[in-house]
């Protein structure tokens, strides 16, 4: 197993540990815990002061308050007392945990309450919730169920090796297994296009997904890390149509020659359509081997990204792959007010297969071509990264995790993207200056950019 091919930045044993503790809490709520102490009289302080050893021995079948029937023998141990954890549940004595002798209790030392020990086992959750990604924090409870489905956790293999069988696994009862009127593999009209001569000597392109009205983000990128990427890697902004007016986008294209505009309404639900048109345009018009895709509200560490691209291409060569932040064990959200809501008609399972998060990733040309050729065989899911997770799983395209993608803390990143809310262009540029992710020359020449954004 290659060390970089992992499922997520959260250890897979974490949900299992939480599941164990939650089940233990439920057991505690349904029963009452008693400590039966074998030892001297001093060891009985936490149970009942009025329990007499002789009374327990003589009245074998009589229930004594605090002691379950059948546990009557009391044997002195001399220097301490051994403790046995007993659960009384529905009139049945159930011993949980290790053998009867668990630990030694010093003479004269008061026994600690079991709840304190139980709470101590959950102390690690506090720092995890503080440092974890906000989406992982919010979904932590729901993800427990997904970690019981091993077929949807592996990033090494698809749930079914045959594509048709894999499709049937994911959408066995789907009303329309194949899209009746699929527009995803039909080319959209190109309204604005960049000059293609820059791609003659490059085998990579960086695509920035942007909306027509996001000119402040595009200007921030042009005046900051875009200068670091070019001319090695051309940076192209891709947008759809605005519902009202996008005449300013044409003026912007005439000035900078770095915009590809396609004829469809630019919206969140059309992200998959946008990606298919991006793949088609660059596969048909250039000879590139890698496509880097990011959102416009990101910071790119140009040096780190160039290094990553070279390493990935050298390691995987011409194979089909998607590189980025791989997430697994994510549930289908059932709350319709959330933007990530997916209905059961759209996706019938409760959990998603592993997928590369869509805010930033690298895809090989062969993988993009395979996806483009088979995309209409799959029912439509409006979340583009989720749909790509299903498609790549069935087409056996490797999802490769690399640290540094989709970071929510601007430190040691390849691509920084804050998921909770959309950063303003001004805030992104300030973070870029603080992290010194661009060269000193550009820093010196752009000290007044913030006021212009």
Protein backbone atom coordinates (compact mmCIF):
# COMPACT_ATOMS: atom_id res chain seq x y z
CA UNK A 1 0.00 0.00 0.00
CA UNK A 2 1.36 3.34 -0.96
CA UNK A 3 1.63 5.67 2.05
CA UNK A 4 -0.10 8.55 0.29
CA UNK A 5 -3.20 6.58 -0.59
CA UNK A 6 -5.26 7.06 2.52
CA UNK A 7 -8.89 7.79 3.03
CA UNK A 8 -8.99 10.92 5.13
CA UNK A 9 -7.04 12.93 7.63
CA UNK A 10 -9.15 11.47 10.45
CA UNK A 11 -7.90 8.04 11.65
CA UNK A 12 -10.23 5.21 10.75
CA UNK A 13 -10.10 3.86 14.32
CA UNK A 14 -11.56 7.08 15.70
CA UNK A 15 -15.23 6.43 14.86
CA UNK A 16 -14.93 2.87 16.14
CA UNK A 17 -13.63 4.16 19.46
CA UNK A 18 -16.48 6.66 19.65
CA UNK A 19 -19.01 3.95 18.80
CA UNK A 20 -17.68 1.83 21.65
CA UNK A 21 -17.97 4.67 24.15
CA UNK A 22 -21.44 5.66 23.00
CA UNK A 23 -22.66 2.10 23.43
CA UNK A 24 -21.11 2.06 26.88
CA UNK A 25 -22.97 5.24 27.79
CA UNK A 26 -26.25 3.73 26.63
CA UNK A 27 -25.61 0.68 28.77
CA UNK A 28 -24.90 2.91 31.74
CA UNK A 29 -28.17 4.76 31.20
CA UNK A 30 -30.17 1.52 31.06
CA UNK A 31 -28.59 -0.06 34.11
CA UNK A 32 -27.03 0.77 37.44
CA UNK A 33 -23.38 0.05 38.15
CA UNK A 34 -22.33 -1.48 41.42
CA UNK A 35 -18.92 -2.12 42.85
CA UNK A 36 -18.59 -5.38 44.76
CA UNK A 37 -15.43 -5.12 46.78
CA UNK A 38 -13.60 -8.12 48.17
CA UNK A 39 -11.66 -6.92 51.13
CA UNK A 40 -11.79 -5.54 54.58
CA UNK A 41 -14.59 -3.48 56.04
CA UNK A 42 -12.84 -0.24 55.08
CA UNK A 43 -13.21 -1.13 51.40
CA UNK A 44 -17.02 -0.90 51.54
CA UNK A 45 -17.28 2.86 52.06
CA UNK A 46 -18.59 3.57 48.54
CA UNK A 47 -21.23 0.84 48.54
CA UNK A 48 -23.19 0.78 51.79
CA UNK A 49 -21.95 1.46 55.29
CA UNK A 50 -24.59 -0.79 56.82
CA UNK A 51 -23.75 -3.99 54.92
CA UNK A 52 -22.47 -6.62 57.29
CA UNK A 53 -20.36 -9.52 56.07
CA UNK A 54 -22.15 -12.05 58.26
CA UNK A 55 -25.56 -10.97 56.99
CA UNK A 56 -24.53 -11.43 53.38
CA UNK A 57 -23.13 -14.87 54.08
CA UNK A 58 -26.15 -16.16 56.00
CA UNK A 59 -28.89 -14.77 53.78
CA UNK A 60 -27.75 -16.05 50.44
CA UNK A 61 -30.97 -15.62 48.54
CA UNK A 62 -32.03 -12.34 50.06
CA UNK A 63 -31.31 -9.21 48.06
CA UNK A 64 -29.41 -6.66 50.07
CA UNK A 65 -29.64 -3.00 48.99
CA UNK A 66 -26.67 -2.28 46.80
CA UNK A 67 -25.66 -5.94 46.30
CA UNK A 68 -27.03 -8.19 43.57
CA UNK A 69 -28.07 -11.73 44.60
CA UNK A 70 -25.50 -14.43 44.13
CA UNK A 71 -22.50 -12.27 45.01
CA UNK A 72 -22.23 -12.92 48.76
CA UNK A 73 -18.74 -14.16 49.43
CA UNK A 74 -16.41 -11.73 51.12
CA UNK A 75 -12.78 -12.73 51.57
CA UNK A 76 -10.19 -10.51 53.28
CA UNK A 77 -7.15 -9.69 51.20
CA UNK A 78 -4.95 -8.16 53.85
CA UNK A 79 -3.50 -5.07 52.20
CA UNK A 80 -6.27 -3.91 49.93
CA UNK A 81 -9.35 -4.83 48.01
CA UNK A 82 -9.94 -5.98 44.45
CA UNK A 83 -12.78 -4.42 42.54
CA UNK A 84 -15.22 -6.04 40.15
CA UNK A 85 -17.53 -3.96 37.93
CA UNK A 86 -21.03 -5.37 37.88
CA UNK A 87 -24.05 -4.29 35.87
CA UNK A 88 -27.56 -5.03 37.11
CA UNK A 89 -29.80 -5.08 34.06
CA UNK A 90 -33.41 -6.29 34.09
CA UNK A 91 -32.78 -8.54 37.05
CA UNK A 92 -29.80 -10.23 35.41
CA UNK A 93 -26.22 -9.98 36.58
CA UNK A 94 -23.94 -9.12 33.66
CA UNK A 95 -20.21 -8.79 34.15
CA UNK A 96 -18.63 -6.40 31.67
CA UNK A 97 -14.95 -6.00 31.00
CA UNK A 98 -11.89 -7.88 32.22
CA UNK A 99 -11.70 -10.79 34.67
CA UNK A 100 -13.12 -10.28 38.21
CA UNK A 101 -9.91 -8.79 39.63
CA UNK A 102 -9.53 -5.46 37.91
CA UNK A 103 -7.30 -3.42 40.16
CA UNK A 104 -6.17 -3.00 43.73
CA UNK A 105 -7.67 -0.35 45.96
CA UNK A 106 -5.41 0.90 48.73
CA UNK A 107 -6.66 0.60 52.29
CA UNK A 108 -8.41 3.69 53.43
CA UNK A 109 -8.63 5.17 49.93
CA UNK A 110 -12.08 6.19 48.81
CA UNK A 111 -13.23 4.59 45.57
CA UNK A 112 -13.72 6.99 42.67
CA UNK A 113 -17.06 7.10 40.94
CA UNK A 114 -17.35 5.15 37.72
CA UNK A 115 -18.74 8.20 35.90
CA UNK A 116 -15.47 10.06 36.46
CA UNK A 117 -13.52 7.27 34.81
CA UNK A 118 -16.01 7.24 31.96
CA UNK A 119 -15.81 10.99 31.41
CA UNK A 120 -12.03 10.84 31.44
CA UNK A 121 -12.14 8.59 28.39
CA UNK A 122 -13.86 11.37 26.40
CA UNK A 123 -11.39 14.15 27.16
CA UNK A 124 -9.61 13.65 23.82
CA UNK A 125 -12.79 14.68 21.96
CA UNK A 126 -12.46 18.31 23.08
CA UNK A 127 -9.15 19.03 21.30
CA UNK A 128 -10.30 17.00 18.29
CA UNK A 129 -13.43 19.12 17.88
CA UNK A 130 -11.36 22.27 18.26
CA UNK A 131 -8.80 21.45 15.57
CA UNK A 132 -10.85 19.33 13.15
CA UNK A 133 -12.41 20.63 9.97
CA UNK A 134 -15.79 22.20 10.69
CA UNK A 135 -17.62 19.82 8.37
CA UNK A 136 -15.99 16.82 10.02
CA UNK A 137 -17.01 18.18 13.42
CA UNK A 138 -20.60 18.62 12.32
CA UNK A 139 -20.83 15.16 10.77
CA UNK A 140 -18.94 13.27 13.46
CA UNK A 141 -22.05 11.62 14.91
CA UNK A 142 -23.51 10.70 11.52
CA UNK A 143 -20.21 9.32 10.25
CA UNK A 144 -20.29 6.56 12.86
CA UNK A 145 -22.87 4.70 10.79
CA UNK A 146 -20.79 5.00 7.65
CA UNK A 147 -17.82 3.31 9.29
CA UNK A 148 -19.88 0.14 9.56
CA UNK A 149 -20.00 -0.15 5.75
CA UNK A 150 -16.56 -1.42 4.67
CA UNK A 151 -17.53 -1.53 0.99
CA UNK A 152 -17.78 2.26 0.98
CA UNK A 153 -14.55 2.93 2.88
CA UNK A 154 -11.85 1.51 0.63
CA UNK A 155 -9.94 3.88 -1.63
CA UNK A 156 -7.88 1.02 -3.05
CA UNK A 157 -10.61 -0.81 -4.93
CA UNK A 158 -14.11 -0.22 -6.25
CA UNK A 159 -17.14 -1.81 -4.64
CA UNK A 160 -17.53 -3.92 -7.80
CA UNK A 161 -14.79 -4.44 -10.37
CA UNK A 162 -17.18 -4.53 -13.31
CA UNK A 163 -18.59 -1.08 -14.16
CA UNK A 164 -22.14 -2.32 -14.79
CA UNK A 165 -22.20 -4.29 -11.55
CA UNK A 166 -20.82 -1.27 -9.72
CA UNK A 167 -23.59 0.89 -11.18
CA UNK A 168 -26.16 -1.64 -10.07
CA UNK A 169 -24.69 -1.64 -6.56
CA UNK A 170 -25.05 2.13 -6.16
CA UNK A 171 -28.33 2.58 -8.03
CA UNK A 172 -30.07 -0.81 -7.98
CA UNK A 173 -33.53 0.65 -7.34
CA UNK A 174 -32.99 3.98 -9.02
CA UNK A 175 -35.98 5.01 -11.19
CA UNK A 176 -33.71 6.10 -14.03
CA UNK A 177 -30.44 4.20 -14.00
CA UNK A 178 -29.23 6.07 -17.03
CA UNK A 179 -29.91 9.76 -17.60
CA UNK A 180 -32.70 10.02 -20.17
CA UNK A 181 -31.65 13.45 -21.44
CA UNK A 182 -28.01 13.78 -20.53
CA UNK A 183 -26.42 17.15 -21.18
CA UNK A 184 -23.16 16.41 -19.40
CA UNK A 185 -21.40 14.99 -22.46
CA UNK A 186 -22.88 17.55 -24.86
CA UNK A 187 -20.58 20.51 -25.47
CA UNK A 188 -21.83 23.93 -24.41
CA UNK A 189 -21.29 26.87 -26.70
CA UNK A 190 -18.08 28.79 -25.99
CA UNK A 191 -18.78 32.49 -25.48
CA UNK A 192 -15.27 33.63 -24.54
CA UNK A 193 -12.02 31.74 -24.99
CA UNK A 194 -8.36 32.41 -24.15
CA UNK A 195 -5.49 32.28 -26.62
CA UNK A 196 -4.31 28.70 -27.02
CA UNK A 197 -0.71 29.42 -28.02
CA UNK A 198 0.36 29.41 -24.39
CA UNK A 199 -0.48 25.69 -24.16
CA UNK A 200 1.88 24.65 -26.94
CA UNK A 201 4.86 24.29 -24.59
CA UNK A 202 3.01 23.32 -21.40
CA UNK A 203 1.53 19.98 -20.44
CA UNK A 204 -0.45 21.33 -17.47
CA UNK A 205 -3.12 23.94 -16.92
CA UNK A 206 -4.59 25.43 -13.76
CA UNK A 207 -8.32 26.07 -14.00
CA UNK A 208 -10.00 28.48 -11.58
CA UNK A 209 -13.75 27.96 -11.25
CA UNK A 210 -15.26 31.41 -10.98
CA UNK A 211 -18.63 33.11 -11.30
CA UNK A 212 -19.15 36.04 -13.71
CA UNK A 213 -19.55 38.55 -10.88
CA UNK A 214 -16.43 37.47 -8.97
CA UNK A 215 -14.09 39.95 -10.62
CA UNK A 216 -12.54 40.96 -7.27
CA UNK A 217 -11.40 37.37 -6.71
CA UNK A 218 -9.98 37.14 -10.20
CA UNK A 219 -8.09 40.41 -9.72
CA UNK A 220 -6.71 39.18 -6.41
CA UNK A 221 -5.43 36.03 -8.13
CA UNK A 222 -3.93 37.95 -11.05
CA UNK A 223 -2.04 40.28 -8.74
CA UNK A 224 -0.79 37.58 -6.37
CA UNK A 225 -0.05 33.89 -6.93
CA UNK A 226 -0.97 33.77 -10.66
CA UNK A 227 2.34 35.52 -11.40
CA UNK A 228 4.14 32.71 -9.60
CA UNK A 229 2.44 29.96 -11.62
CA UNK A 230 2.99 31.42 -15.08
CA UNK A 231 4.54 30.91 -17.53
CA UNK A 232 5.21 27.34 -16.29
CA UNK A 233 1.52 26.62 -15.76
CA UNK A 234 -1.13 28.79 -17.47
CA UNK A 235 -3.97 29.96 -15.20
CA UNK A 236 -7.42 30.13 -16.82
CA UNK A 237 -10.67 31.34 -15.23
CA UNK A 238 -13.74 29.35 -16.25
CA UNK A 239 -17.23 30.72 -15.86
CA UNK A 240 -20.75 30.17 -17.04
CA UNK A 241 -23.34 32.80 -17.86
CA UNK A 242 -24.86 35.28 -15.46
CA UNK A 243 -28.66 35.37 -15.41
CA UNK A 244 -28.74 39.14 -15.74
CA UNK A 245 -25.64 40.82 -17.17
CA UNK A 246 -22.10 39.68 -17.86
CA UNK A 247 -20.94 42.36 -20.27
CA UNK A 248 -18.15 43.28 -17.84
CA UNK A 249 -16.75 39.78 -18.24
CA UNK A 250 -16.16 40.39 -21.95
CA UNK A 251 -14.23 43.58 -21.19
CA UNK A 252 -12.20 41.68 -18.63
CA UNK A 253 -11.45 38.95 -21.16
CA UNK A 254 -10.31 41.48 -23.75
CA UNK A 255 -7.91 42.96 -21.23
CA UNK A 256 -6.38 39.84 -19.68
CA UNK A 257 -7.03 37.03 -22.20
CA UNK A 258 -7.44 34.43 -19.44
CA UNK A 259 -11.19 33.70 -19.34
CA UNK A 260 -13.12 30.75 -20.74
CA UNK A 261 -16.88 31.40 -20.64
CA UNK A 262 -19.42 28.72 -21.50
CA UNK A 263 -23.08 29.02 -22.39
CA UNK A 264 -24.93 27.74 -19.32
CA UNK A 265 -26.20 29.40 -16.14
CA UNK A 266 -23.39 29.49 -13.59
CA UNK A 267 -24.84 27.97 -10.41
CA UNK A 268 -23.99 25.56 -7.63
CA UNK A 269 -26.08 22.79 -9.17
CA UNK A 270 -24.29 23.16 -12.51
CA UNK A 271 -20.79 22.45 -11.17
CA UNK A 272 -20.71 18.99 -12.73
CA UNK A 273 -21.75 20.47 -16.08
CA UNK A 274 -19.00 23.06 -15.75
CA UNK A 275 -16.39 20.39 -15.02
CA UNK A 276 -17.40 18.25 -18.02
CA UNK A 277 -17.07 21.27 -20.31
CA UNK A 278 -13.67 22.10 -18.81
CA UNK A 279 -12.43 18.57 -19.50
CA UNK A 280 -13.80 18.57 -23.04
CA UNK A 281 -12.32 21.94 -23.96
CA UNK A 282 -8.78 21.20 -22.82
CA UNK A 283 -8.74 17.59 -24.02
CA UNK A 284 -9.89 18.62 -27.50
CA UNK A 285 -7.79 21.78 -27.82
CA UNK A 286 -4.50 20.91 -26.12
CA UNK A 287 -2.12 18.05 -25.35
CA UNK A 288 -1.99 18.57 -21.59
CA UNK A 289 -1.47 15.63 -19.23
CA UNK A 290 -2.71 17.23 -15.99
CA UNK A 291 -5.54 19.61 -15.11
CA UNK A 292 -5.47 21.45 -11.79
CA UNK A 293 -8.91 22.61 -10.63
CA UNK A 294 -9.50 25.08 -7.78
CA UNK A 295 -12.15 27.55 -6.61
CA UNK A 296 -11.54 31.27 -6.82
CA UNK A 297 -11.70 31.79 -3.03
CA UNK A 298 -8.41 29.96 -2.46
CA UNK A 299 -4.74 30.64 -1.87
CA UNK A 300 -2.25 28.65 -3.92
CA UNK A 301 1.27 28.01 -2.73
CA UNK A 302 2.81 28.09 -6.20
CA UNK A 303 6.12 26.48 -5.26
CA UNK A 304 4.48 23.65 -3.32
CA UNK A 305 1.93 23.02 -6.06
CA UNK A 306 4.56 22.81 -8.81
CA UNK A 307 6.54 20.35 -6.71
CA UNK A 308 3.43 18.26 -6.07
CA UNK A 309 2.54 18.14 -9.77
CA UNK A 310 6.01 16.96 -10.74
CA UNK A 311 6.04 14.29 -8.02
CA UNK A 312 2.59 13.00 -8.93
CA UNK A 313 3.35 12.85 -12.65
CA UNK A 314 6.64 11.09 -12.03
CA UNK A 315 5.08 8.60 -9.64
CA UNK A 316 1.87 7.75 -11.50
CA UNK A 317 2.89 8.72 -15.04
CA UNK A 318 0.01 8.22 -17.49
CA UNK A 319 -2.35 6.31 -15.19
CA UNK A 320 -5.85 7.54 -14.34
CA UNK A 321 -5.93 9.38 -11.03
CA UNK A 322 -7.36 12.28 -9.05
CA UNK A 323 -5.13 13.82 -6.39
CA UNK A 324 -6.39 15.99 -3.54
CA UNK A 325 -7.98 15.67 -0.15
CA UNK A 326 -9.72 12.30 -0.05
CA UNK A 327 -12.71 12.07 2.29
CA UNK A 328 -14.42 8.86 3.29
CA UNK A 329 -17.12 7.82 5.72
CA UNK A 330 -19.33 10.78 4.80
CA UNK A 331 -23.12 10.37 5.12
CA UNK A 332 -25.80 11.58 2.78
CA UNK A 333 -27.28 14.61 4.52
CA UNK A 334 -31.05 14.41 4.93
CA UNK A 335 -31.68 18.00 5.99
CA UNK A 336 -33.20 19.85 3.00
CA UNK A 337 -32.14 23.31 4.20
CA UNK A 338 -28.44 22.47 3.81
CA UNK A 339 -26.66 23.13 0.49
CA UNK A 340 -25.21 19.59 0.60
CA UNK A 341 -28.63 17.94 0.85
CA UNK A 342 -29.13 14.98 -1.49
CA UNK A 343 -32.47 13.18 -1.66
CA UNK A 344 -32.86 9.41 -1.52
CA UNK A 345 -34.18 9.47 -5.08
CA UNK A 346 -30.95 11.09 -6.21
CA UNK A 347 -28.67 8.75 -4.24
CA UNK A 348 -30.31 5.77 -2.45
CA UNK A 349 -27.49 4.89 -0.02
CA UNK A 350 -26.97 6.53 3.37
CA UNK A 351 -23.20 6.89 2.88
CA UNK A 352 -20.93 8.03 0.07
CA UNK A 353 -17.90 6.21 -1.32
CA UNK A 354 -14.50 7.90 -0.94
CA UNK A 355 -14.24 11.10 -2.96
CA UNK A 356 -11.76 13.91 -3.57
CA UNK A 357 -13.12 17.20 -2.29
CA UNK A 358 -13.96 19.48 -5.18
CA UNK A 359 -12.47 22.75 -3.93
CA UNK A 360 -8.99 21.78 -5.17
CA UNK A 361 -7.64 18.72 -6.96
CA UNK A 362 -5.42 17.47 -9.79
CA UNK A 363 -6.79 15.11 -12.43
CA UNK A 364 -4.87 13.28 -15.13
CA UNK A 365 -5.92 13.68 -18.75
CA UNK A 366 -6.69 9.97 -19.06
CA UNK A 367 -8.98 10.09 -16.01
CA UNK A 368 -10.77 13.17 -17.36
CA UNK A 369 -11.32 11.42 -20.69
CA UNK A 370 -12.68 8.27 -19.03
CA UNK A 371 -15.10 10.31 -16.93
CA UNK A 372 -16.26 12.35 -19.90
CA UNK A 373 -16.94 9.23 -21.98
CA UNK A 374 -18.98 7.44 -19.28
CA UNK A 375 -20.60 10.26 -17.31
CA UNK A 376 -24.04 9.78 -18.87
CA UNK A 377 -24.15 6.15 -17.73
CA UNK A 378 -24.60 7.42 -14.18
CA UNK A 379 -27.67 9.04 -12.62
CA UNK A 380 -27.10 12.71 -11.93
CA UNK A 381 -26.01 13.92 -8.48
CA UNK A 382 -25.83 17.68 -8.20
CA UNK A 383 -22.85 17.64 -5.79
CA UNK A 384 -19.95 17.42 -8.22
CA UNK A 385 -17.38 15.88 -5.88
CA UNK A 386 -19.85 13.24 -4.67
CA UNK A 387 -20.77 12.30 -8.23
CA UNK A 388 -17.09 12.11 -9.14
CA UNK A 389 -16.59 9.82 -6.14
CA UNK A 390 -19.19 7.38 -7.48
CA UNK A 391 -17.94 7.62 -11.06
CA UNK A 392 -14.25 7.16 -10.20
CA UNK A 393 -15.13 4.25 -7.93
CA UNK A 394 -16.93 2.41 -10.72
CA UNK A 395 -14.35 3.34 -13.39
CA UNK A 396 -11.47 2.29 -11.10
CA UNK A 397 -9.82 5.71 -11.20
CA UNK A 398 -7.49 6.12 -8.25
CA UNK A 399 -8.35 8.68 -5.56
CA UNK A 400 -5.00 9.71 -4.09
CA UNK A 401 -4.77 11.70 -0.88
CA UNK A 402 -2.04 14.34 -0.59
CA UNK A 403 -1.57 16.50 2.45
CA UNK A 404 -1.79 20.23 1.87
CA UNK A 405 -4.93 20.27 -0.29
CA UNK A 406 -8.05 22.02 0.94
CA UNK A 407 -6.40 23.21 4.14
CA UNK A 408 -8.52 25.30 6.45
CA UNK A 409 -5.49 26.53 8.42
CA UNK A 410 -3.09 28.70 6.38
CA UNK A 411 0.08 26.86 7.37
CA UNK A 412 2.12 24.36 5.38
CA UNK A 413 -0.46 24.26 2.61
CA UNK A 414 -0.51 23.54 -1.11
CA UNK A 415 -3.98 25.00 -1.59
CA UNK A 416 -5.73 26.87 1.23
CA UNK A 417 -9.53 26.96 1.24
CA UNK A 418 -11.75 27.91 4.16
CA UNK A 419 -14.91 25.79 4.03
CA UNK A 420 -17.13 27.34 6.67
CA UNK A 421 -17.68 30.64 4.86
CA UNK A 422 -16.40 32.37 1.77
CA UNK A 423 -13.37 34.56 2.45
CA UNK A 424 -13.33 37.99 0.85
CA UNK A 425 -10.59 38.72 -1.67
CA UNK A 426 -9.07 41.21 0.75
CA UNK A 427 -8.86 38.63 3.53
CA UNK A 428 -7.35 36.06 1.20
CA UNK A 429 -4.65 38.49 0.15
CA UNK A 430 -3.85 39.37 3.77
CA UNK A 431 -3.47 35.68 4.58
CA UNK A 432 -1.23 35.30 1.55
CA UNK A 433 1.02 38.13 2.72
CA UNK A 434 1.17 36.73 6.25
CA UNK A 435 2.20 33.29 5.01
CA UNK A 436 4.72 34.69 2.48
CA UNK A 437 3.57 32.15 -0.08
CA UNK A 438 4.69 34.38 -2.96
CA UNK A 439 8.12 35.72 -3.82
CA UNK A 440 9.57 38.86 -2.13
CA UNK A 441 9.63 40.63 -5.51
CA UNK A 442 5.87 40.30 -5.92
CA UNK A 443 5.32 41.17 -2.27
CA UNK A 444 7.25 44.41 -2.72
CA UNK A 445 5.42 45.40 -5.89
CA UNK A 446 1.95 44.71 -4.49
CA UNK A 447 1.88 46.38 -1.09
CA UNK A 448 -1.06 48.59 -2.11
CA UNK A 449 -3.16 45.89 -3.73
CA UNK A 450 -5.38 45.39 -0.68
CA UNK A 451 -6.82 48.89 -0.93
CA UNK A 452 -7.58 48.32 -4.60
CA UNK A 453 -9.57 45.13 -4.07
